[in-house]
């Protein structure tokens, strides 16, 4: 399992267009077999700041995601909306364990 937090800061006049493009990408992304979650978060008090929380089954799944048509459409659509380049941080699971909760039975997460 691999979690990636993608930080985005968009131009003030592009917030709604970015949101719409990102939601379209997220809705398509959760249909991919390698994606467990794809959350879109918008910062309270700073509507131009977003975090995409992408949770993948395997380390190679982000590369597969970037080969999809919906990712390419999103990347191209939002390129001119960015106030600064996107940044990302990758995380591995600590709790719940992969076996117990991320890809399995959430009730087993108490283990």
PDB file of N, CA and C in Angstrom:
ATOM      1  N   UNK A   1       0.844  -1.170   0.000  1.00  0.00           N
ATOM      2  CA  UNK A   1       0.000   0.000   0.000  1.00  0.00           C
ATOM      3  C   UNK A   1       0.889   1.232   0.000  1.00  0.00           C
ATOM      4  N   UNK A   2       0.462   2.232  -0.739  1.00  0.00           N
ATOM      5  CA  UNK A   2       1.186   3.493  -0.830  1.00  0.00           C
ATOM      6  C   UNK A   2       0.172   4.625  -0.818  1.00  0.00           C
ATOM      7  N   UNK A   3       0.366   5.579   0.080  1.00  0.00           N
ATOM      8  CA  UNK A   3      -0.478   6.775   0.113  1.00  0.00           C
ATOM      9  C   UNK A   3       0.347   7.949  -0.389  1.00  0.00           C
ATOM     10  N   UNK A   4      -0.261   8.763  -1.227  1.00  0.00           N
ATOM     11  CA  UNK A   4       0.404   9.939  -1.760  1.00  0.00           C
ATOM     12  C   UNK A   4      -0.471  11.153  -1.473  1.00  0.00           C
ATOM     13  N   UNK A   5       0.117  12.172  -0.865  1.00  0.00           N
ATOM     14  CA  UNK A   5      -0.573  13.440  -0.654  1.00  0.00           C
ATOM     15  C   UNK A   5      -0.025  14.420  -1.684  1.00  0.00           C
ATOM     16  N   UNK A   6      -0.909  14.896  -2.552  1.00  0.00           N
ATOM     17  CA  UNK A   6      -0.522  15.851  -3.585  1.00  0.00           C
ATOM     18  C   UNK A   6      -1.061  17.212  -3.179  1.00  0.00           C
ATOM     19  N   UNK A   7      -0.167  18.163  -2.996  1.00  0.00           N
ATOM     20  CA  UNK A   7      -0.558  19.513  -2.594  1.00  0.00           C
ATOM     21  C   UNK A   7      -0.644  20.398  -3.824  1.00  0.00           C
ATOM     22  N   UNK A   8      -1.754  21.121  -3.915  1.00  0.00           N
ATOM     23  CA  UNK A   8      -1.986  22.009  -5.054  1.00  0.00           C
ATOM     24  C   UNK A   8      -2.411  23.378  -4.544  1.00  0.00           C
ATOM     25  N   UNK A   9      -1.840  24.417  -5.126  1.00  0.00           N
ATOM     26  CA  UNK A   9      -2.305  25.786  -4.870  1.00  0.00           C
ATOM     27  C   UNK A   9      -2.625  26.377  -6.228  1.00  0.00           C
ATOM     28  N   UNK A  10      -3.891  26.748  -6.388  1.00  0.00           N
ATOM     29  CA  UNK A  10      -4.354  27.233  -7.690  1.00  0.00           C
ATOM     30  C   UNK A  10      -4.551  28.746  -7.649  1.00  0.00           C
ATOM     31  N   UNK A  11      -4.587  29.317  -8.819  1.00  0.00           N
ATOM     32  CA  UNK A  11      -4.832  30.750  -8.940  1.00  0.00           C
ATOM     33  C   UNK A  11      -6.232  31.066  -8.421  1.00  0.00           C
ATOM     34  N   UNK A  12      -6.414  32.169  -7.710  1.00  0.00           N
ATOM     35  CA  UNK A  12      -7.710  32.490  -7.117  1.00  0.00           C
ATOM     36  C   UNK A  12      -8.888  32.426  -8.097  1.00  0.00           C
ATOM     37  N   UNK A  13      -8.710  32.869  -9.313  1.00  0.00           N
ATOM     38  CA  UNK A  13      -9.802  32.834 -10.288  1.00  0.00           C
ATOM     39  C   UNK A  13     -10.051  31.469 -10.900  1.00  0.00           C
ATOM     40  N   UNK A  14      -9.257  30.475 -10.518  1.00  0.00           N
ATOM     41  CA  UNK A  14      -9.371  29.140 -11.105  1.00  0.00           C
ATOM     42  C   UNK A  14      -9.905  28.093 -10.138  1.00  0.00           C
ATOM     43  N   UNK A  15     -10.285  28.502  -8.947  1.00  0.00           N
ATOM     44  CA  UNK A  15     -10.670  27.540  -7.910  1.00  0.00           C
ATOM     45  C   UNK A  15     -11.815  26.641  -8.372  1.00  0.00           C
ATOM     46  N   UNK A  16     -12.880  27.213  -8.895  1.00  0.00           N
ATOM     47  CA  UNK A  16     -14.037  26.389  -9.267  1.00  0.00           C
ATOM     48  C   UNK A  16     -13.721  25.478 -10.452  1.00  0.00           C
ATOM     49  N   UNK A  17     -13.012  25.970 -11.439  1.00  0.00           N
ATOM     50  CA  UNK A  17     -12.645  25.133 -12.599  1.00  0.00           C
ATOM     51  C   UNK A  17     -11.705  24.007 -12.171  1.00  0.00           C
ATOM     52  N   UNK A  18     -10.760  24.315 -11.274  1.00  0.00           N
ATOM     53  CA  UNK A  18      -9.867  23.277 -10.760  1.00  0.00           C
ATOM     54  C   UNK A  18     -10.666  22.216 -10.017  1.00  0.00           C
ATOM     55  N   UNK A  19     -11.566  22.664  -9.193  1.00  0.00           N
ATOM     56  CA  UNK A  19     -12.404  21.739  -8.414  1.00  0.00           C
ATOM     57  C   UNK A  19     -13.182  20.802  -9.330  1.00  0.00           C
ATOM     58  N   UNK A  20     -13.812  21.350 -10.352  1.00  0.00           N
ATOM     59  CA  UNK A  20     -14.601  20.534 -11.278  1.00  0.00           C
ATOM     60  C   UNK A  20     -13.725  19.527 -12.015  1.00  0.00           C
ATOM     61  N   UNK A  21     -12.580  19.967 -12.518  1.00  0.00           N
ATOM     62  CA  UNK A  21     -11.676  19.053 -13.234  1.00  0.00           C
ATOM     63  C   UNK A  21     -11.148  17.967 -12.303  1.00  0.00           C
ATOM     64  N   UNK A  22     -10.844  18.350 -11.071  1.00  0.00           N
ATOM     65  CA  UNK A  22     -10.288  17.402 -10.107  1.00  0.00           C
ATOM     66  C   UNK A  22     -11.334  16.391  -9.669  1.00  0.00           C
ATOM     67  N   UNK A  23     -12.563  16.825  -9.493  1.00  0.00           N
ATOM     68  CA  UNK A  23     -13.623  15.876  -9.138  1.00  0.00           C
ATOM     69  C   UNK A  23     -13.867  14.877 -10.260  1.00  0.00           C
ATOM     70  N   UNK A  24     -13.814  15.318 -11.505  1.00  0.00           N
ATOM     71  CA  UNK A  24     -13.973  14.392 -12.640  1.00  0.00           C
ATOM     72  C   UNK A  24     -12.849  13.361 -12.628  1.00  0.00           C
ATOM     73  N   UNK A  25     -11.625  13.805 -12.379  1.00  0.00           N
ATOM     74  CA  UNK A  25     -10.496  12.887 -12.308  1.00  0.00           C
ATOM     75  C   UNK A  25     -10.651  11.915 -11.138  1.00  0.00           C
ATOM     76  N   UNK A  26     -11.054  12.411  -9.992  1.00  0.00           N
ATOM     77  CA  UNK A  26     -11.213  11.566  -8.806  1.00  0.00           C
ATOM     78  C   UNK A  26     -12.285  10.504  -9.024  1.00  0.00           C
ATOM     79  N   UNK A  27     -13.403  10.894  -9.603  1.00  0.00           N
ATOM     80  CA  UNK A  27     -14.490   9.927  -9.852  1.00  0.00           C
ATOM     81  C   UNK A  27     -14.039   8.806 -10.783  1.00  0.00           C
ATOM     82  N   UNK A  28     -13.257   9.139 -11.790  1.00  0.00           N
ATOM     83  CA  UNK A  28     -12.742   8.113 -12.701  1.00  0.00           C
ATOM     84  C   UNK A  28     -11.632   7.304 -12.026  1.00  0.00           C
ATOM     85  N   UNK A  29     -10.825   7.955 -11.222  1.00  0.00           N
ATOM     86  CA  UNK A  29      -9.688   7.286 -10.584  1.00  0.00           C
ATOM     87  C   UNK A  29     -10.120   6.179  -9.632  1.00  0.00           C
ATOM     88  N   UNK A  30     -11.189   6.399  -8.880  1.00  0.00           N
ATOM     89  CA  UNK A  30     -11.616   5.368  -7.928  1.00  0.00           C
ATOM     90  C   UNK A  30     -12.139   4.116  -8.624  1.00  0.00           C
ATOM     91  N   UNK A  31     -12.316   4.180  -9.939  1.00  0.00           N
ATOM     92  CA  UNK A  31     -12.724   3.003 -10.706  1.00  0.00           C
ATOM     93  C   UNK A  31     -11.525   2.138 -11.108  1.00  0.00           C
ATOM     94  N   UNK A  32     -10.314   2.672 -10.955  1.00  0.00           N
ATOM     95  CA  UNK A  32      -9.111   1.924 -11.303  1.00  0.00           C
ATOM     96  C   UNK A  32      -8.881   0.809 -10.280  1.00  0.00           C
ATOM     97  N   UNK A  33      -8.495  -0.385 -10.737  1.00  0.00           N
ATOM     98  CA  UNK A  33      -8.293  -1.490  -9.792  1.00  0.00           C
ATOM     99  C   UNK A  33      -7.164  -1.255  -8.798  1.00  0.00           C
ATOM    100  N   UNK A  34      -6.187  -0.419  -9.113  1.00  0.00           N
ATOM    101  CA  UNK A  34      -5.056  -0.191  -8.222  1.00  0.00           C
ATOM    102  C   UNK A  34      -5.252   0.922  -7.215  1.00  0.00           C
ATOM    103  N   UNK A  35      -6.416   1.576  -7.244  1.00  0.00           N
ATOM    104  CA  UNK A  35      -6.653   2.702  -6.324  1.00  0.00           C
ATOM    105  C   UNK A  35      -7.679   2.303  -5.265  1.00  0.00           C
ATOM    106  N   UNK A  36      -7.259   2.428  -4.012  1.00  0.00           N
ATOM    107  CA  UNK A  36      -8.150   2.153  -2.883  1.00  0.00           C
ATOM    108  C   UNK A  36      -8.963   3.373  -2.492  1.00  0.00           C
ATOM    109  N   UNK A  37      -8.340   4.559  -2.552  1.00  0.00           N
ATOM    110  CA  UNK A  37      -9.008   5.820  -2.210  1.00  0.00           C
ATOM    111  C   UNK A  37      -8.447   6.920  -3.074  1.00  0.00           C
ATOM    112  N   UNK A  38      -9.278   7.925  -3.312  1.00  0.00           N
ATOM    113  CA  UNK A  38      -8.831   9.129  -4.006  1.00  0.00           C
ATOM    114  C   UNK A  38      -9.669  10.266  -3.443  1.00  0.00           C
ATOM    115  N   UNK A  39      -9.149  10.911  -2.409  1.00  0.00           N
ATOM    116  CA  UNK A  39      -9.881  11.965  -1.712  1.00  0.00           C
ATOM    117  C   UNK A  39      -9.419  13.335  -2.196  1.00  0.00           C
ATOM    118  N   UNK A  40     -10.356  14.250  -2.300  1.00  0.00           N
ATOM    119  CA  UNK A  40     -10.059  15.630  -2.682  1.00  0.00           C
ATOM    120  C   UNK A  40     -10.440  16.506  -1.494  1.00  0.00           C
ATOM    121  N   UNK A  41      -9.451  17.204  -0.937  1.00  0.00           N
ATOM    122  CA  UNK A  41      -9.674  18.055   0.221  1.00  0.00           C
ATOM    123  C   UNK A  41      -9.345  19.492  -0.145  1.00  0.00           C
ATOM    124  N   UNK A  42     -10.160  20.428   0.375  1.00  0.00           N
ATOM    125  CA  UNK A  42      -9.954  21.856   0.140  1.00  0.00           C
ATOM    126  C   UNK A  42      -9.751  22.513   1.494  1.00  0.00           C
ATOM    127  N   UNK A  43      -8.719  23.340   1.612  1.00  0.00           N
ATOM    128  CA  UNK A  43      -8.360  23.929   2.892  1.00  0.00           C
ATOM    129  C   UNK A  43      -9.390  24.954   3.356  1.00  0.00           C
ATOM    130  N   UNK A  44      -9.813  24.827   4.605  1.00  0.00           N
ATOM    131  CA  UNK A  44     -10.699  25.821   5.210  1.00  0.00           C
ATOM    132  C   UNK A  44      -9.959  27.148   5.309  1.00  0.00           C
ATOM    133  N   UNK A  45     -10.583  28.209   4.865  1.00  0.00           N
ATOM    134  CA  UNK A  45      -9.987  29.531   4.971  1.00  0.00           C
ATOM    135  C   UNK A  45      -8.991  29.868   3.871  1.00  0.00           C
ATOM    136  N   UNK A  46      -8.657  28.901   3.038  1.00  0.00           N
ATOM    137  CA  UNK A  46      -7.739  29.127   1.918  1.00  0.00           C
ATOM    138  C   UNK A  46      -8.240  28.288   0.742  1.00  0.00           C
ATOM    139  N   UNK A  47      -9.336  28.708   0.111  1.00  0.00           N
ATOM    140  CA  UNK A  47      -9.987  27.870  -0.900  1.00  0.00           C
ATOM    141  C   UNK A  47      -9.140  27.552  -2.118  1.00  0.00           C
ATOM    142  N   UNK A  48      -8.018  28.240  -2.282  1.00  0.00           N
ATOM    143  CA  UNK A  48      -7.146  27.959  -3.428  1.00  0.00           C
ATOM    144  C   UNK A  48      -6.174  26.806  -3.139  1.00  0.00           C
ATOM    145  N   UNK A  49      -6.206  26.273  -1.935  1.00  0.00           N
ATOM    146  CA  UNK A  49      -5.298  25.174  -1.547  1.00  0.00           C
ATOM    147  C   UNK A  49      -6.070  23.861  -1.441  1.00  0.00           C
ATOM    148  N   UNK A  50      -5.533  22.860  -2.109  1.00  0.00           N
ATOM    149  CA  UNK A  50      -6.133  21.531  -2.137  1.00  0.00           C
ATOM    150  C   UNK A  50      -5.084  20.489  -1.777  1.00  0.00           C
ATOM    151  N   UNK A  51      -5.551  19.372  -1.254  1.00  0.00           N
ATOM    152  CA  UNK A  51      -4.714  18.190  -1.073  1.00  0.00           C
ATOM    153  C   UNK A  51      -5.472  17.023  -1.672  1.00  0.00           C
ATOM    154  N   UNK A  52      -4.807  16.279  -2.530  1.00  0.00           N
ATOM    155  CA  UNK A  52      -5.366  15.043  -3.076  1.00  0.00           C
ATOM    156  C   UNK A  52      -4.727  13.909  -2.294  1.00  0.00           C
ATOM    157  N   UNK A  53      -5.542  13.064  -1.690  1.00  0.00           N
ATOM    158  CA  UNK A  53      -5.044  11.928  -0.926  1.00  0.00           C
ATOM    159  C   UNK A  53      -5.335  10.684  -1.756  1.00  0.00           C
ATOM    160  N   UNK A  54      -4.274  10.131  -2.326  1.00  0.00           N
ATOM    161  CA  UNK A  54      -4.382   8.996  -3.237  1.00  0.00           C
ATOM    162  C   UNK A  54      -3.798   7.772  -2.538  1.00  0.00           C
ATOM    163  N   UNK A  55      -4.591   6.712  -2.415  1.00  0.00           N
ATOM    164  CA  UNK A  55      -4.116   5.496  -1.761  1.00  0.00           C
ATOM    165  C   UNK A  55      -4.136   4.379  -2.791  1.00  0.00           C
ATOM    166  N   UNK A  56      -2.949   3.819  -3.024  1.00  0.00           N
ATOM    167  CA  UNK A  56      -2.748   2.794  -4.044  1.00  0.00           C
ATOM    168  C   UNK A  56      -2.493   1.437  -3.399  1.00  0.00           C
ATOM    169  N   UNK A  57      -2.875   0.386  -4.101  1.00  0.00           N
ATOM    170  CA  UNK A  57      -2.646  -0.979  -3.623  1.00  0.00           C
ATOM    171  C   UNK A  57      -1.166  -1.352  -3.644  1.00  0.00           C
ATOM    172  N   UNK A  58      -0.441  -0.932  -4.666  1.00  0.00           N
ATOM    173  CA  UNK A  58       0.949  -1.350  -4.850  1.00  0.00           C
ATOM    174  C   UNK A  58       1.781  -0.166  -5.338  1.00  0.00           C
ATOM    175  N   UNK A  59       3.082  -0.200  -5.103  1.00  0.00           N
ATOM    176  CA  UNK A  59       3.951   0.919  -5.491  1.00  0.00           C
ATOM    177  C   UNK A  59       3.940   1.242  -6.984  1.00  0.00           C
ATOM    178  N   UNK A  60       3.619   0.286  -7.822  1.00  0.00           N
ATOM    179  CA  UNK A  60       3.594   0.547  -9.264  1.00  0.00           C
ATOM    180  C   UNK A  60       2.271   1.163  -9.741  1.00  0.00           C
ATOM    181  N   UNK A  61       1.271   1.210  -8.902  1.00  0.00           N
ATOM    182  CA  UNK A  61      -0.035   1.724  -9.315  1.00  0.00           C
ATOM    183  C   UNK A  61      -0.074   3.220  -9.618  1.00  0.00           C
ATOM    184  N   UNK A  62       0.711   4.088  -8.965  1.00  0.00           N
ATOM    185  CA  UNK A  62       0.708   5.495  -9.374  1.00  0.00           C
ATOM    186  C   UNK A  62       1.136   5.681 -10.833  1.00  0.00           C
ATOM    187  N   UNK A  63       2.115   4.913 -11.270  1.00  0.00           N
ATOM    188  CA  UNK A  63       2.558   5.018 -12.673  1.00  0.00           C
ATOM    189  C   UNK A  63       1.442   4.576 -13.613  1.00  0.00           C
ATOM    190  N   UNK A  64       0.715   3.538 -13.244  1.00  0.00           N
ATOM    191  CA  UNK A  64      -0.426   3.090 -14.062  1.00  0.00           C
ATOM    192  C   UNK A  64      -1.504   4.168 -14.112  1.00  0.00           C
ATOM    193  N   UNK A  65      -1.746   4.801 -12.968  1.00  0.00           N
ATOM    194  CA  UNK A  65      -2.735   5.878 -12.905  1.00  0.00           C
ATOM    195  C   UNK A  65      -2.357   7.004 -13.872  1.00  0.00           C
ATOM    196  N   UNK A  66      -1.074   7.329 -13.934  1.00  0.00           N
ATOM    197  CA  UNK A  66      -0.629   8.427 -14.793  1.00  0.00           C
ATOM    198  C   UNK A  66      -0.681   8.079 -16.280  1.00  0.00           C
ATOM    199  N   UNK A  67      -0.964   6.833 -16.610  1.00  0.00           N
ATOM    200  CA  UNK A  67      -1.119   6.414 -18.007  1.00  0.00           C
ATOM    201  C   UNK A  67      -2.575   6.486 -18.481  1.00  0.00           C
ATOM    202  N   UNK A  68      -3.509   6.813 -17.581  1.00  0.00           N
ATOM    203  CA  UNK A  68      -4.919   6.818 -17.946  1.00  0.00           C
ATOM    204  C   UNK A  68      -5.310   8.099 -18.678  1.00  0.00           C
ATOM    205  N   UNK A  69      -6.353   7.987 -19.470  1.00  0.00           N
ATOM    206  CA  UNK A  69      -6.852   9.154 -20.212  1.00  0.00           C
ATOM    207  C   UNK A  69      -7.393  10.215 -19.261  1.00  0.00           C
ATOM    208  N   UNK A  70      -8.066   9.792 -18.178  1.00  0.00           N
ATOM    209  CA  UNK A  70      -8.634  10.799 -17.267  1.00  0.00           C
ATOM    210  C   UNK A  70      -7.537  11.564 -16.527  1.00  0.00           C
ATOM    211  N   UNK A  71      -6.422  10.912 -16.193  1.00  0.00           N
ATOM    212  CA  UNK A  71      -5.321  11.645 -15.563  1.00  0.00           C
ATOM    213  C   UNK A  71      -4.732  12.650 -16.551  1.00  0.00           C
ATOM    214  N   UNK A  72      -4.491  12.228 -17.779  1.00  0.00           N
ATOM    215  CA  UNK A  72      -3.917  13.127 -18.791  1.00  0.00           C
ATOM    216  C   UNK A  72      -4.835  14.319 -19.035  1.00  0.00           C
ATOM    217  N   UNK A  73      -6.139  14.072 -19.080  1.00  0.00           N
ATOM    218  CA  UNK A  73      -7.093  15.169 -19.276  1.00  0.00           C
ATOM    219  C   UNK A  73      -7.038  16.140 -18.103  1.00  0.00           C
ATOM    220  N   UNK A  74      -6.969  15.606 -16.885  1.00  0.00           N
ATOM    221  CA  UNK A  74      -6.881  16.468 -15.697  1.00  0.00           C
ATOM    222  C   UNK A  74      -5.585  17.272 -15.704  1.00  0.00           C
ATOM    223  N   UNK A  75      -4.458  16.590 -15.913  1.00  0.00           N
ATOM    224  CA  UNK A  75      -3.148  17.246 -15.922  1.00  0.00           C
ATOM    225  C   UNK A  75      -3.122  18.410 -16.908  1.00  0.00           C
ATOM    226  N   UNK A  76      -3.644  18.174 -18.103  1.00  0.00           N
ATOM    227  CA  UNK A  76      -3.641  19.220 -19.123  1.00  0.00           C
ATOM    228  C   UNK A  76      -4.623  20.345 -18.786  1.00  0.00           C
ATOM    229  N   UNK A  77      -5.774  19.972 -18.232  1.00  0.00           N
ATOM    230  CA  UNK A  77      -6.797  20.975 -17.912  1.00  0.00           C
ATOM    231  C   UNK A  77      -6.348  21.922 -16.809  1.00  0.00           C
ATOM    232  N   UNK A  78      -5.620  21.417 -15.823  1.00  0.00           N
ATOM    233  CA  UNK A  78      -5.269  22.248 -14.668  1.00  0.00           C
ATOM    234  C   UNK A  78      -3.893  22.894 -14.774  1.00  0.00           C
ATOM    235  N   UNK A  79      -3.140  22.582 -15.800  1.00  0.00           N
ATOM    236  CA  UNK A  79      -1.760  23.083 -15.911  1.00  0.00           C
ATOM    237  C   UNK A  79      -1.669  24.602 -15.768  1.00  0.00           C
ATOM    238  N   UNK A  80      -2.547  25.333 -16.427  1.00  0.00           N
ATOM    239  CA  UNK A  80      -2.494  26.801 -16.377  1.00  0.00           C
ATOM    240  C   UNK A  80      -3.234  27.383 -15.175  1.00  0.00           C
ATOM    241  N   UNK A  81      -3.809  26.531 -14.341  1.00  0.00           N
ATOM    242  CA  UNK A  81      -4.526  26.995 -13.154  1.00  0.00           C
ATOM    243  C   UNK A  81      -3.630  27.049 -11.925  1.00  0.00           C
ATOM    244  N   UNK A  82      -2.441  26.489 -12.012  1.00  0.00           N
ATOM    245  CA  UNK A  82      -1.572  26.356 -10.852  1.00  0.00           C
ATOM    246  C   UNK A  82      -0.870  27.672 -10.516  1.00  0.00           C
ATOM    247  N   UNK A  83      -0.930  28.041  -9.230  1.00  0.00           N
ATOM    248  CA  UNK A  83      -0.200  29.210  -8.744  1.00  0.00           C
ATOM    249  C   UNK A  83       1.261  28.841  -8.478  1.00  0.00           C
ATOM    250  N   UNK A  84       1.506  27.551  -8.297  1.00  0.00           N
ATOM    251  CA  UNK A  84       2.857  27.024  -8.080  1.00  0.00           C
ATOM    252  C   UNK A  84       2.833  25.552  -8.483  1.00  0.00           C
ATOM    253  N   UNK A  85       3.979  24.955  -8.727  1.00  0.00           N
ATOM    254  CA  UNK A  85       3.985  23.536  -9.109  1.00  0.00           C
ATOM    255  C   UNK A  85       3.400  22.649  -8.003  1.00  0.00           C
ATOM    256  N   UNK A  86       2.729  21.585  -8.426  1.00  0.00           N
ATOM    257  CA  UNK A  86       2.217  20.604  -7.463  1.00  0.00           C
ATOM    258  C   UNK A  86       3.399  19.963  -6.745  1.00  0.00           C
ATOM    259  N   UNK A  87       3.157  19.539  -5.511  1.00  0.00           N
ATOM    260  CA  UNK A  87       4.176  18.789  -4.779  1.00  0.00           C
ATOM    261  C   UNK A  87       3.508  17.563  -4.175  1.00  0.00           C
ATOM    262  N   UNK A  88       4.293  16.525  -3.948  1.00  0.00           N
ATOM    263  CA  UNK A  88       3.711  15.318  -3.366  1.00  0.00           C
ATOM    264  C   UNK A  88       4.657  14.704  -2.351  1.00  0.00           C
ATOM    265  N   UNK A  89       4.049  13.985  -1.413  1.00  0.00           N
ATOM    266  CA  UNK A  89       4.774  13.252  -0.388  1.00  0.00           C
ATOM    267  C   UNK A  89       4.173  11.857  -0.352  1.00  0.00           C
ATOM    268  N   UNK A  90       5.036  10.841  -0.307  1.00  0.00           N
ATOM    269  CA  UNK A  90       4.589   9.450  -0.276  1.00  0.00           C
ATOM    270  C   UNK A  90       4.687   8.914   1.150  1.00  0.00           C
ATOM    271  N   UNK A  91       3.689   8.089   1.513  1.00  0.00           N
ATOM    272  CA  UNK A  91       3.619   7.521   2.850  1.00  0.00           C
ATOM    273  C   UNK A  91       3.350   6.021   2.768  1.00  0.00           C
ATOM    274  N   UNK A  92       3.867   5.279   3.753  1.00  0.00           N
ATOM    275  CA  UNK A  92       3.562   3.861   3.905  1.00  0.00           C
ATOM    276  C   UNK A  92       2.717   3.658   5.144  1.00  0.00           C
ATOM    277  N   UNK A  93       1.992   2.556   5.225  1.00  0.00           N
ATOM    278  CA  UNK A  93       1.073   2.331   6.348  1.00  0.00           C
ATOM    279  C   UNK A  93       1.802   1.969   7.641  1.00  0.00           C
ATOM    280  N   UNK A  94       1.276   2.467   8.741  1.00  0.00           N
ATOM    281  CA  UNK A  94       1.703   2.075  10.068  1.00  0.00           C
ATOM    282  C   UNK A  94       0.525   1.419  10.771  1.00  0.00           C
ATOM    283  N   UNK A  95      -0.606   2.120  10.817  1.00  0.00           N
ATOM    284  CA  UNK A  95      -1.828   1.590  11.400  1.00  0.00           C
ATOM    285  C   UNK A  95      -3.010   2.138  10.636  1.00  0.00           C
ATOM    286  N   UNK A  96      -3.977   1.362  10.253  1.00  0.00           N
ATOM    287  CA  UNK A  96      -3.972  -0.096  10.366  1.00  0.00           C
ATOM    288  C   UNK A  96      -2.988  -0.704   9.384  1.00  0.00           C
ATOM    289  N   UNK A  97      -2.615  -1.935   9.658  1.00  0.00           N
ATOM    290  CA  UNK A  97      -1.695  -2.609   8.747  1.00  0.00           C
ATOM    291  C   UNK A  97      -2.403  -2.875   7.424  1.00  0.00           C
ATOM    292  N   UNK A  98      -1.631  -3.105   6.400  1.00  0.00           N
ATOM    293  CA  UNK A  98      -2.206  -3.401   5.089  1.00  0.00           C
ATOM    294  C   UNK A  98      -3.124  -4.609   5.191  1.00  0.00           C
ATOM    295  N   UNK A  99      -2.667  -5.632   5.863  1.00  0.00           N
ATOM    296  CA  UNK A  99      -3.446  -6.861   5.978  1.00  0.00           C
ATOM    297  C   UNK A  99      -4.737  -6.649   6.769  1.00  0.00           C
ATOM    298  N   UNK A 100      -4.674  -5.810   7.775  1.00  0.00           N
ATOM    299  CA  UNK A 100      -5.799  -5.658   8.680  1.00  0.00           C
ATOM    300  C   UNK A 100      -6.837  -4.645   8.226  1.00  0.00           C
ATOM    301  N   UNK A 101      -6.444  -3.614   7.511  1.00  0.00           N
ATOM    302  CA  UNK A 101      -7.429  -2.590   7.277  1.00  0.00           C
ATOM    303  C   UNK A 101      -7.421  -1.924   5.929  1.00  0.00           C
ATOM    304  N   UNK A 102      -6.258  -1.623   5.376  1.00  0.00           N
ATOM    305  CA  UNK A 102      -6.239  -0.846   4.147  1.00  0.00           C
ATOM    306  C   UNK A 102      -6.876  -1.579   2.986  1.00  0.00           C
ATOM    307  N   UNK A 103      -6.496  -2.809   2.789  1.00  0.00           N
ATOM    308  CA  UNK A 103      -7.009  -3.553   1.642  1.00  0.00           C
ATOM    309  C   UNK A 103      -7.880  -4.719   2.071  1.00  0.00           C
ATOM    310  N   UNK A 104      -8.100  -4.845   3.353  1.00  0.00           N
ATOM    311  CA  UNK A 104      -8.855  -5.981   3.855  1.00  0.00           C
ATOM    312  C   UNK A 104     -10.067  -5.555   4.645  1.00  0.00           C
ATOM    313  N   UNK A 105     -10.350  -6.280   5.672  1.00  0.00           N
ATOM    314  CA  UNK A 105     -11.516  -6.075   6.512  1.00  0.00           C
ATOM    315  C   UNK A 105     -11.267  -4.938   7.503  1.00  0.00           C
ATOM    316  N   UNK A 106     -12.014  -3.815   7.391  1.00  0.00           N
ATOM    317  CA  UNK A 106     -11.804  -2.695   8.329  1.00  0.00           C
ATOM    318  C   UNK A 106     -11.994  -3.098   9.788  1.00  0.00           C
ATOM    319  N   UNK A 107     -12.825  -4.083  10.061  1.00  0.00           N
ATOM    320  CA  UNK A 107     -13.042  -4.523  11.441  1.00  0.00           C
ATOM    321  C   UNK A 107     -11.778  -5.139  12.017  1.00  0.00           C
ATOM    322  N   UNK A 108     -10.907  -5.645  11.151  1.00  0.00           N
ATOM    323  CA  UNK A 108      -9.668  -6.260  11.608  1.00  0.00           C
ATOM    324  C   UNK A 108      -8.610  -5.219  11.953  1.00  0.00           C
ATOM    325  N   UNK A 109      -8.886  -3.959  11.740  1.00  0.00           N
ATOM    326  CA  UNK A 109      -7.913  -2.898  11.978  1.00  0.00           C
ATOM    327  C   UNK A 109      -7.540  -2.772  13.440  1.00  0.00           C
ATOM    328  N   UNK A 110      -8.347  -3.334  14.328  1.00  0.00           N
ATOM    329  CA  UNK A 110      -8.065  -3.250  15.758  1.00  0.00           C
ATOM    330  C   UNK A 110      -6.919  -4.149  16.169  1.00  0.00           C
ATOM    331  N   UNK A 111      -6.477  -5.014  15.281  1.00  0.00           N
ATOM    332  CA  UNK A 111      -5.398  -5.955  15.618  1.00  0.00           C
ATOM    333  C   UNK A 111      -4.107  -5.250  15.899  1.00  0.00           C
TER     334      UNK A 111
END
